[in-house]
Amino acid sequence: MTREAKPIDTERFAAQLRARAVDIEGGRVLISRLAGSGQEVDLTLPANCDGYGRVRHFRMATADGWPANPLPIAPACRALGITPVPEVMTALVFQNAACAWRCWYCFVPEELLKADLSRSAWFTAAELVHLYRQIPDAPRIIDLSGGSPDLVPEWTPWMMRALAEAGLAETTYLWTDDNLSTTYLFDALPPSDLALLRSYHNYGRVCCVKGFDARSFAFNTRAAPEDYDRQFEVLRRVLDLGLDVYGYVTLTSSHDDGIAQGVADLMDRLQAIDPNYPLRVIPLRIQVFTPVEQRLARDDVRERSLAVQEEAIAAWLGELERRFSPNLRALQICDVPLRTRPA
């Protein structure tokens, strides 16, 4: 088993990648080419949009012992007026070509996370929307994924304006991933862009917490343990914007001690930001995609961490039952009120 002695310096590495992954003056974002990549083998449908897009099937059903995953299906259906809510919904996914963390369970191969021009290309939001419009029976959800979209926060308001200019703002739902690794959302966007994020009706943002304590975070991401605390500082600021915010959490860890306490502490931290926010968070069960399989083959600790997540999810569900009334737990995820978004 091999471990890097020095953790990722998130602030430094993110700044380097951002400089290579966004062209502010030209209004362009570096997008990964999925056709011919190591990720392509796991796609259920061939890459589209000239090889730079893919269709993802979001499914409510998960594994035994794990909660259903209504993201982004339920928020999208609420925004678009789709009833009844289906069990499966497709989205068109674009992936920005950079990420400062190296989550061992990521389904994206590392070569698509380095802002490598030989494996990506520059696109304006209008060009991405044009590619979207060429898809027959196109998905109603457009997912800005990665990589790490929060390295290039301009991408989201650029896409909002491009969709509005194309007459698609009311018929599509925009979904953005955020791994809470940087504060570029607040540092780089002007007030007009933040106002657009707040006012754009068909928009949801999902923030992913990587682990249930600093040890599991560092194991999962290869970043410094103190970046775990920083995730919650960023999350608080995102919620303060008043956006329609949801969450993911990953529960793998290299240690099998302190799981129940770690999950309880995580729940405390989320509730300190917003008392109801845990009810908008979906734990993601780590699955073995091709890039993950290759990483597992040379690391027995990662293999064992898959069992840790099974104990952790039982602790998570127990905490939800202990902390929230049956009526609150029964709410559709998009109906759970937040302090910044009352019912």
Protein backbone atom coordinates (compact mmCIF):
# COMPACT_ATOMS: atom_id res chain seq x y z
CA MET A 1 0.00 0.00 0.00
CA THR A 2 1.35 3.42 -0.96
CA ARG A 3 0.45 6.73 0.66
CA GLU A 4 1.57 10.20 -0.31
CA ALA A 5 3.39 11.72 2.67
CA LYS A 6 2.40 15.27 1.85
CA PRO A 7 -1.30 16.18 1.56
CA ILE A 8 -2.62 18.31 -1.27
CA ASP A 9 -2.25 22.04 -0.64
CA THR A 10 -5.79 22.85 -1.73
CA GLU A 11 -5.45 26.62 -1.90
CA ARG A 12 -2.26 26.52 -3.99
CA PHE A 13 -3.32 23.66 -6.28
CA ALA A 14 -6.81 25.11 -6.84
CA ALA A 15 -5.31 28.46 -7.86
CA GLN A 16 -3.00 26.75 -10.37
CA LEU A 17 -5.85 24.77 -11.89
CA ARG A 18 -8.24 27.70 -12.01
CA ALA A 19 -5.70 29.70 -13.98
CA ARG A 20 -5.68 26.94 -16.61
CA ALA A 21 -9.38 26.02 -16.53
CA VAL A 22 -11.25 29.29 -17.15
CA ASP A 23 -10.85 32.10 -19.66
CA ILE A 24 -12.60 35.06 -18.05
CA GLU A 25 -12.06 37.50 -20.89
CA GLY A 26 -13.27 35.03 -23.51
CA GLY A 27 -16.10 33.65 -21.35
CA ARG A 28 -14.84 30.10 -21.83
CA VAL A 29 -14.56 27.01 -19.63
CA LEU A 30 -12.27 24.03 -20.22
CA ILE A 31 -14.52 20.97 -20.74
CA SER A 32 -13.31 17.35 -20.58
CA ARG A 33 -13.49 15.25 -23.73
CA LEU A 34 -15.26 12.07 -22.67
CA ALA A 35 -15.07 10.26 -26.00
CA GLY A 36 -11.97 8.08 -25.97
CA SER A 37 -11.32 8.69 -22.27
CA GLY A 38 -10.92 6.18 -19.46
CA GLN A 39 -14.39 7.17 -18.29
CA GLU A 40 -16.09 6.22 -21.54
CA VAL A 41 -16.22 2.51 -20.71
CA ASP A 42 -18.61 3.25 -17.82
CA LEU A 43 -21.06 5.35 -19.84
CA THR A 44 -24.44 3.72 -20.41
CA LEU A 45 -24.84 5.68 -23.67
CA PRO A 46 -22.12 6.91 -26.05
CA ALA A 47 -20.71 10.36 -25.40
CA ASN A 48 -22.61 13.11 -27.23
CA CYS A 49 -22.10 16.82 -27.96
CA ASP A 50 -19.11 16.06 -30.20
CA GLY A 51 -17.66 13.86 -27.45
CA TYR A 52 -17.86 16.47 -24.67
CA GLY A 53 -21.21 15.59 -23.12
CA ARG A 54 -22.84 12.50 -21.71
CA VAL A 55 -26.30 11.38 -20.64
CA ARG A 56 -26.57 10.33 -17.03
CA HIS A 57 -29.47 8.32 -15.65
CA PHE A 58 -30.37 9.55 -12.17
CA ARG A 59 -32.25 6.87 -10.24
CA MET A 60 -34.23 7.08 -7.02
CA ALA A 61 -33.47 3.47 -6.09
CA THR A 62 -30.18 2.75 -4.34
CA ALA A 63 -28.92 -0.23 -2.31
CA ASP A 64 -30.46 -2.12 0.60
CA GLY A 65 -29.98 -0.16 3.81
CA TRP A 66 -29.42 3.12 1.97
CA PRO A 67 -31.98 5.90 1.51
CA ALA A 68 -33.49 6.60 -1.89
CA ASN A 69 -31.73 9.34 -3.83
CA PRO A 70 -34.22 11.92 -5.17
CA LEU A 71 -31.47 14.30 -6.35
CA PRO A 72 -31.80 16.04 -8.71
CA ILE A 73 -35.02 14.35 -9.81
CA ALA A 74 -37.38 15.83 -7.20
CA PRO A 75 -36.08 19.43 -7.35
CA ALA A 76 -36.09 19.34 -11.15
CA CYS A 77 -39.63 18.04 -11.31
CA ARG A 78 -40.80 20.65 -8.81
CA ALA A 79 -39.22 23.46 -10.83
CA LEU A 80 -40.42 22.15 -14.20
CA GLY A 81 -43.92 21.17 -13.04
CA ILE A 82 -43.45 17.48 -13.88
CA THR A 83 -45.88 15.10 -12.18
CA PRO A 84 -45.80 12.40 -11.08
CA VAL A 85 -42.13 12.35 -10.11
CA PRO A 86 -40.46 9.52 -12.08
CA GLU A 87 -38.13 6.91 -10.62
CA VAL A 88 -35.51 7.63 -13.29
CA MET A 89 -34.62 10.88 -15.03
CA THR A 90 -31.87 11.70 -17.49
CA ALA A 91 -29.54 14.68 -17.49
CA LEU A 92 -27.03 16.03 -19.95
CA VAL A 93 -23.69 16.28 -18.15
CA PHE A 94 -20.76 18.51 -18.99
CA GLN A 95 -17.60 18.09 -16.90
CA ASN A 96 -15.12 20.88 -16.31
CA ALA A 97 -11.59 19.60 -16.68
CA ALA A 98 -10.06 20.39 -13.29
CA CYS A 99 -10.29 19.39 -9.64
CA ALA A 100 -7.91 20.14 -6.77
CA TRP A 101 -8.78 16.98 -4.82
CA ARG A 102 -8.11 13.36 -5.69
CA CYS A 103 -10.99 11.41 -4.17
CA TRP A 104 -10.01 7.76 -4.54
CA TYR A 105 -13.60 6.76 -5.30
CA CYS A 106 -14.13 9.34 -8.06
CA PHE A 107 -15.60 7.87 -11.24
CA VAL A 108 -13.55 10.36 -13.28
CA PRO A 109 -10.00 9.25 -14.18
CA GLU A 110 -7.24 11.55 -12.93
CA GLU A 111 -6.17 12.54 -16.44
CA LEU A 112 -9.49 14.40 -16.80
CA LEU A 113 -8.88 16.44 -13.64
CA LYS A 114 -5.62 18.17 -14.56
CA ALA A 115 -6.79 20.90 -16.96
CA ASP A 116 -4.96 19.02 -19.71
CA LEU A 117 -5.57 20.66 -23.09
CA SER A 118 -4.85 17.40 -24.88
CA ARG A 119 -7.92 15.85 -23.17
CA SER A 120 -10.27 18.85 -23.16
CA ALA A 121 -11.37 21.89 -25.14
CA TRP A 122 -12.56 25.45 -24.57
CA PHE A 123 -16.27 26.24 -24.81
CA THR A 124 -18.42 29.29 -24.19
CA ALA A 125 -21.75 28.70 -22.50
CA ALA A 126 -23.51 29.59 -25.75
CA GLU A 127 -21.54 26.87 -27.55
CA LEU A 128 -22.51 24.29 -24.91
CA VAL A 129 -26.16 25.30 -25.17
CA HIS A 130 -25.92 24.99 -28.97
CA LEU A 131 -24.60 21.43 -28.58
CA TYR A 132 -27.42 20.67 -26.14
CA ARG A 133 -30.02 21.85 -28.64
CA GLN A 134 -28.76 19.38 -31.24
CA ILE A 135 -29.65 16.36 -29.07
CA PRO A 136 -32.89 14.66 -30.16
CA ASP A 137 -35.36 14.51 -27.25
CA ALA A 138 -32.79 16.21 -25.03
CA PRO A 139 -32.88 15.68 -21.24
CA ARG A 140 -34.62 18.42 -19.28
CA ILE A 141 -31.77 18.55 -16.72
CA ILE A 142 -28.37 20.04 -17.52
CA ASP A 143 -25.77 19.01 -14.94
CA LEU A 144 -22.62 21.13 -14.61
CA SER A 145 -20.28 18.58 -13.10
CA GLY A 146 -16.59 17.87 -12.94
CA GLY A 147 -13.98 17.94 -12.10
CA SER A 148 -14.84 20.69 -9.70
CA PRO A 149 -17.26 23.33 -11.01
CA ASP A 150 -16.62 25.54 -7.99
CA LEU A 151 -13.13 26.18 -9.41
CA VAL A 152 -14.90 28.05 -12.22
CA PRO A 153 -18.00 29.59 -10.58
CA GLU A 154 -18.50 31.89 -13.60
CA TRP A 155 -19.68 28.84 -15.55
CA THR A 156 -23.07 28.72 -13.82
CA PRO A 157 -24.23 32.32 -14.45
CA TRP A 158 -22.78 32.11 -17.97
CA MET A 159 -24.96 29.04 -18.59
CA MET A 160 -28.00 30.74 -17.06
CA ARG A 161 -27.67 33.68 -19.43
CA ALA A 162 -27.03 31.43 -22.42
CA LEU A 163 -30.09 29.31 -21.66
CA ALA A 164 -32.22 32.44 -21.25
CA GLU A 165 -30.96 33.86 -24.55
CA ALA A 166 -31.80 30.56 -26.25
CA GLY A 167 -35.31 30.57 -24.80
CA LEU A 168 -34.59 27.48 -22.68
CA ALA A 169 -34.56 28.88 -19.15
CA GLU A 170 -38.13 27.78 -18.42
CA THR A 171 -37.94 24.33 -20.01
CA THR A 172 -34.62 23.14 -18.56
CA TYR A 173 -33.34 22.67 -15.02
CA LEU A 174 -29.75 23.60 -14.19
CA TRP A 175 -27.94 21.54 -11.55
CA THR A 176 -24.45 22.37 -10.26
CA ASP A 177 -22.06 20.22 -8.23
CA ASP A 178 -19.94 21.86 -5.52
CA ASN A 179 -17.27 20.08 -3.45
CA LEU A 180 -16.80 23.03 -1.08
CA SER A 181 -13.06 23.17 -1.75
CA THR A 182 -12.76 26.89 -2.48
CA THR A 183 -14.36 30.28 -1.85
CA TYR A 184 -14.14 31.33 -5.52
CA LEU A 185 -17.93 31.57 -5.66
CA PHE A 186 -17.68 34.56 -3.34
CA ASP A 187 -14.24 35.83 -4.34
CA ALA A 188 -14.66 35.83 -8.12
CA LEU A 189 -18.31 36.56 -8.91
CA PRO A 190 -19.61 40.14 -9.02
CA PRO A 191 -22.84 41.00 -7.17
CA SER A 192 -24.81 40.80 -10.42
CA ASP A 193 -23.84 37.16 -10.89
CA LEU A 194 -24.70 36.26 -7.30
CA ALA A 195 -28.05 38.00 -7.77
CA LEU A 196 -28.66 35.91 -10.90
CA LEU A 197 -27.94 32.71 -8.97
CA ARG A 198 -30.52 33.76 -6.39
CA SER A 199 -33.20 34.75 -8.89
CA TYR A 200 -32.87 31.94 -11.47
CA HIS A 201 -35.93 29.79 -10.85
CA ASN A 202 -34.89 26.48 -12.39
CA TYR A 203 -31.65 26.00 -10.47
CA GLY A 204 -30.35 23.75 -7.72
CA ARG A 205 -26.92 23.32 -6.19
CA VAL A 206 -25.61 20.21 -4.44
CA CYS A 207 -22.69 20.45 -2.01
CA CYS A 208 -20.68 17.33 -1.16
CA VAL A 209 -19.07 16.79 2.24
CA LYS A 210 -16.23 14.29 1.88
CA GLY A 211 -16.29 12.16 5.02
CA PHE A 212 -17.68 12.21 8.57
CA ASP A 213 -14.54 13.50 10.32
CA ALA A 214 -11.16 14.98 9.46
CA ARG A 215 -9.50 11.56 9.19
CA SER A 216 -12.04 10.18 6.74
CA PHE A 217 -11.94 13.44 4.77
CA ALA A 218 -8.16 13.31 4.37
CA PHE A 219 -8.31 9.63 3.44
CA ASN A 220 -11.00 10.27 0.83
CA THR A 221 -9.57 13.39 -0.81
CA ARG A 222 -5.79 13.34 -0.16
CA ALA A 223 -6.21 16.93 1.05
CA ALA A 224 -5.10 18.24 4.46
CA PRO A 225 -7.36 17.27 7.40
CA GLU A 226 -8.02 20.94 8.23
CA ASP A 227 -9.77 21.35 4.88
CA TYR A 228 -12.59 19.30 6.39
CA ASP A 229 -13.46 22.18 8.72
CA ARG A 230 -13.23 24.58 5.82
CA GLN A 231 -15.95 22.68 3.96
CA PHE A 232 -18.46 23.71 6.62
CA GLU A 233 -17.39 27.35 6.51
CA VAL A 234 -17.97 27.38 2.74
CA LEU A 235 -21.27 25.51 3.11
CA ARG A 236 -22.57 28.11 5.55
CA ARG A 237 -21.78 30.88 3.07
CA VAL A 238 -23.49 28.99 0.24
CA LEU A 239 -26.64 28.54 2.32
CA ASP A 240 -26.54 32.20 3.31
CA LEU A 241 -26.98 33.09 -0.37
CA GLY A 242 -30.51 31.71 -0.18
CA LEU A 243 -30.07 29.24 -3.04
CA ASP A 244 -31.97 25.97 -3.33
CA VAL A 245 -29.17 23.91 -1.79
CA TYR A 246 -28.92 20.15 -1.29
CA GLY A 247 -26.14 17.91 -0.10
CA TYR A 248 -24.24 14.70 -0.61
CA VAL A 249 -21.98 13.05 1.94
CA THR A 250 -19.55 10.18 1.43
CA LEU A 251 -18.99 7.90 4.40
CA THR A 252 -15.91 5.82 3.57
CA SER A 253 -13.00 5.93 6.01
CA SER A 254 -9.65 4.25 6.61
CA HIS A 255 -10.59 3.77 10.29
CA ASP A 256 -13.38 1.68 11.72
CA ASP A 257 -13.28 3.25 15.19
CA GLY A 258 -15.40 6.21 16.21
CA ILE A 259 -17.85 5.82 13.35
CA ALA A 260 -21.04 6.46 15.32
CA GLN A 261 -19.53 9.45 17.12
CA GLY A 262 -18.12 10.83 13.86
CA VAL A 263 -21.51 10.64 12.16
CA ALA A 264 -23.19 12.28 15.15
CA ASP A 265 -20.63 15.07 15.14
CA LEU A 266 -21.15 15.56 11.41
CA MET A 267 -24.88 15.85 11.97
CA ASP A 268 -24.24 18.41 14.73
CA ARG A 269 -22.12 20.50 12.37
CA LEU A 270 -24.72 20.42 9.62
CA GLN A 271 -27.49 21.38 12.03
CA ALA A 272 -25.37 24.24 13.38
CA ILE A 273 -25.49 25.68 9.86
CA ASP A 274 -29.19 24.95 9.40
CA PRO A 275 -31.31 22.82 11.76
CA ASN A 276 -33.07 21.05 8.88
CA TYR A 277 -30.21 20.77 6.41
CA PRO A 278 -29.44 17.07 7.13
CA LEU A 279 -32.85 16.26 5.65
CA ARG A 280 -31.63 17.73 2.34
CA VAL A 281 -28.47 15.60 2.39
CA ILE A 282 -28.20 12.23 0.65
CA PRO A 283 -25.38 9.84 1.64
CA LEU A 284 -23.79 8.41 -1.49
CA ARG A 285 -22.82 4.76 -1.46
CA ILE A 286 -19.44 4.41 -3.14
CA GLN A 287 -19.60 2.12 -6.15
CA VAL A 288 -16.77 0.52 -8.05
CA PHE A 289 -16.51 2.13 -11.49
CA THR A 290 -13.56 1.32 -13.74
CA PRO A 291 -11.16 4.02 -12.39
CA VAL A 292 -12.11 3.02 -8.83
CA GLU A 293 -11.50 -0.66 -9.55
CA GLN A 294 -7.98 0.14 -10.67
CA ARG A 295 -7.30 2.09 -7.46
CA LEU A 296 -8.76 -0.64 -5.25
CA ALA A 297 -6.52 -3.23 -6.86
CA ARG A 298 -3.50 -1.74 -5.15
CA ASP A 299 -4.95 -0.63 -1.82
CA ASP A 300 -6.49 -2.93 0.78
CA VAL A 301 -7.40 -0.04 3.11
CA ARG A 302 -9.67 1.45 0.47
CA GLU A 303 -11.24 -1.97 0.00
CA ARG A 304 -12.01 -2.17 3.73
CA SER A 305 -13.40 1.37 3.73
CA LEU A 306 -16.31 0.12 1.65
CA ALA A 307 -17.42 -1.86 4.71
CA VAL A 308 -17.03 1.20 6.95
CA GLN A 309 -19.61 3.08 4.89
CA GLU A 310 -22.16 0.35 5.63
CA GLU A 311 -21.76 0.90 9.37
CA ALA A 312 -21.76 4.65 8.90
CA ILE A 313 -25.02 4.70 6.96
CA ALA A 314 -26.74 2.81 9.78
CA ALA A 315 -25.48 5.49 12.19
CA TRP A 316 -26.66 8.25 9.84
CA LEU A 317 -30.18 6.83 9.58
CA GLY A 318 -30.31 6.39 13.35
CA GLU A 319 -29.35 10.02 13.89
CA LEU A 320 -32.05 11.20 11.48
CA GLU A 321 -34.67 9.20 13.34
CA ARG A 322 -33.48 10.52 16.70
CA ARG A 323 -33.29 14.18 15.66
CA PHE A 324 -36.28 14.70 13.37
CA SER A 325 -40.00 14.07 13.72
CA PRO A 326 -41.73 11.58 11.42
CA ASN A 327 -43.55 14.47 9.74
CA LEU A 328 -40.31 16.25 8.86
CA ARG A 329 -38.65 13.03 7.69
CA ALA A 330 -41.64 12.34 5.43
CA LEU A 331 -41.29 15.61 3.51
CA GLN A 332 -40.18 15.57 -0.10
CA ILE A 333 -36.55 16.69 -0.06
CA CYS A 334 -37.33 19.90 -1.95
CA ASP A 335 -40.03 20.75 0.61
CA VAL A 336 -37.67 20.68 3.60
CA PRO A 337 -37.53 24.31 4.80
CA LEU A 338 -34.22 26.06 5.40
CA ARG A 339 -33.63 29.18 7.49
CA THR A 340 -32.90 31.01 4.22
CA ARG A 341 -35.74 29.30 2.33
CA PRO A 342 -38.83 29.01 4.55
CA ALA A 343 -41.64 26.68 3.52
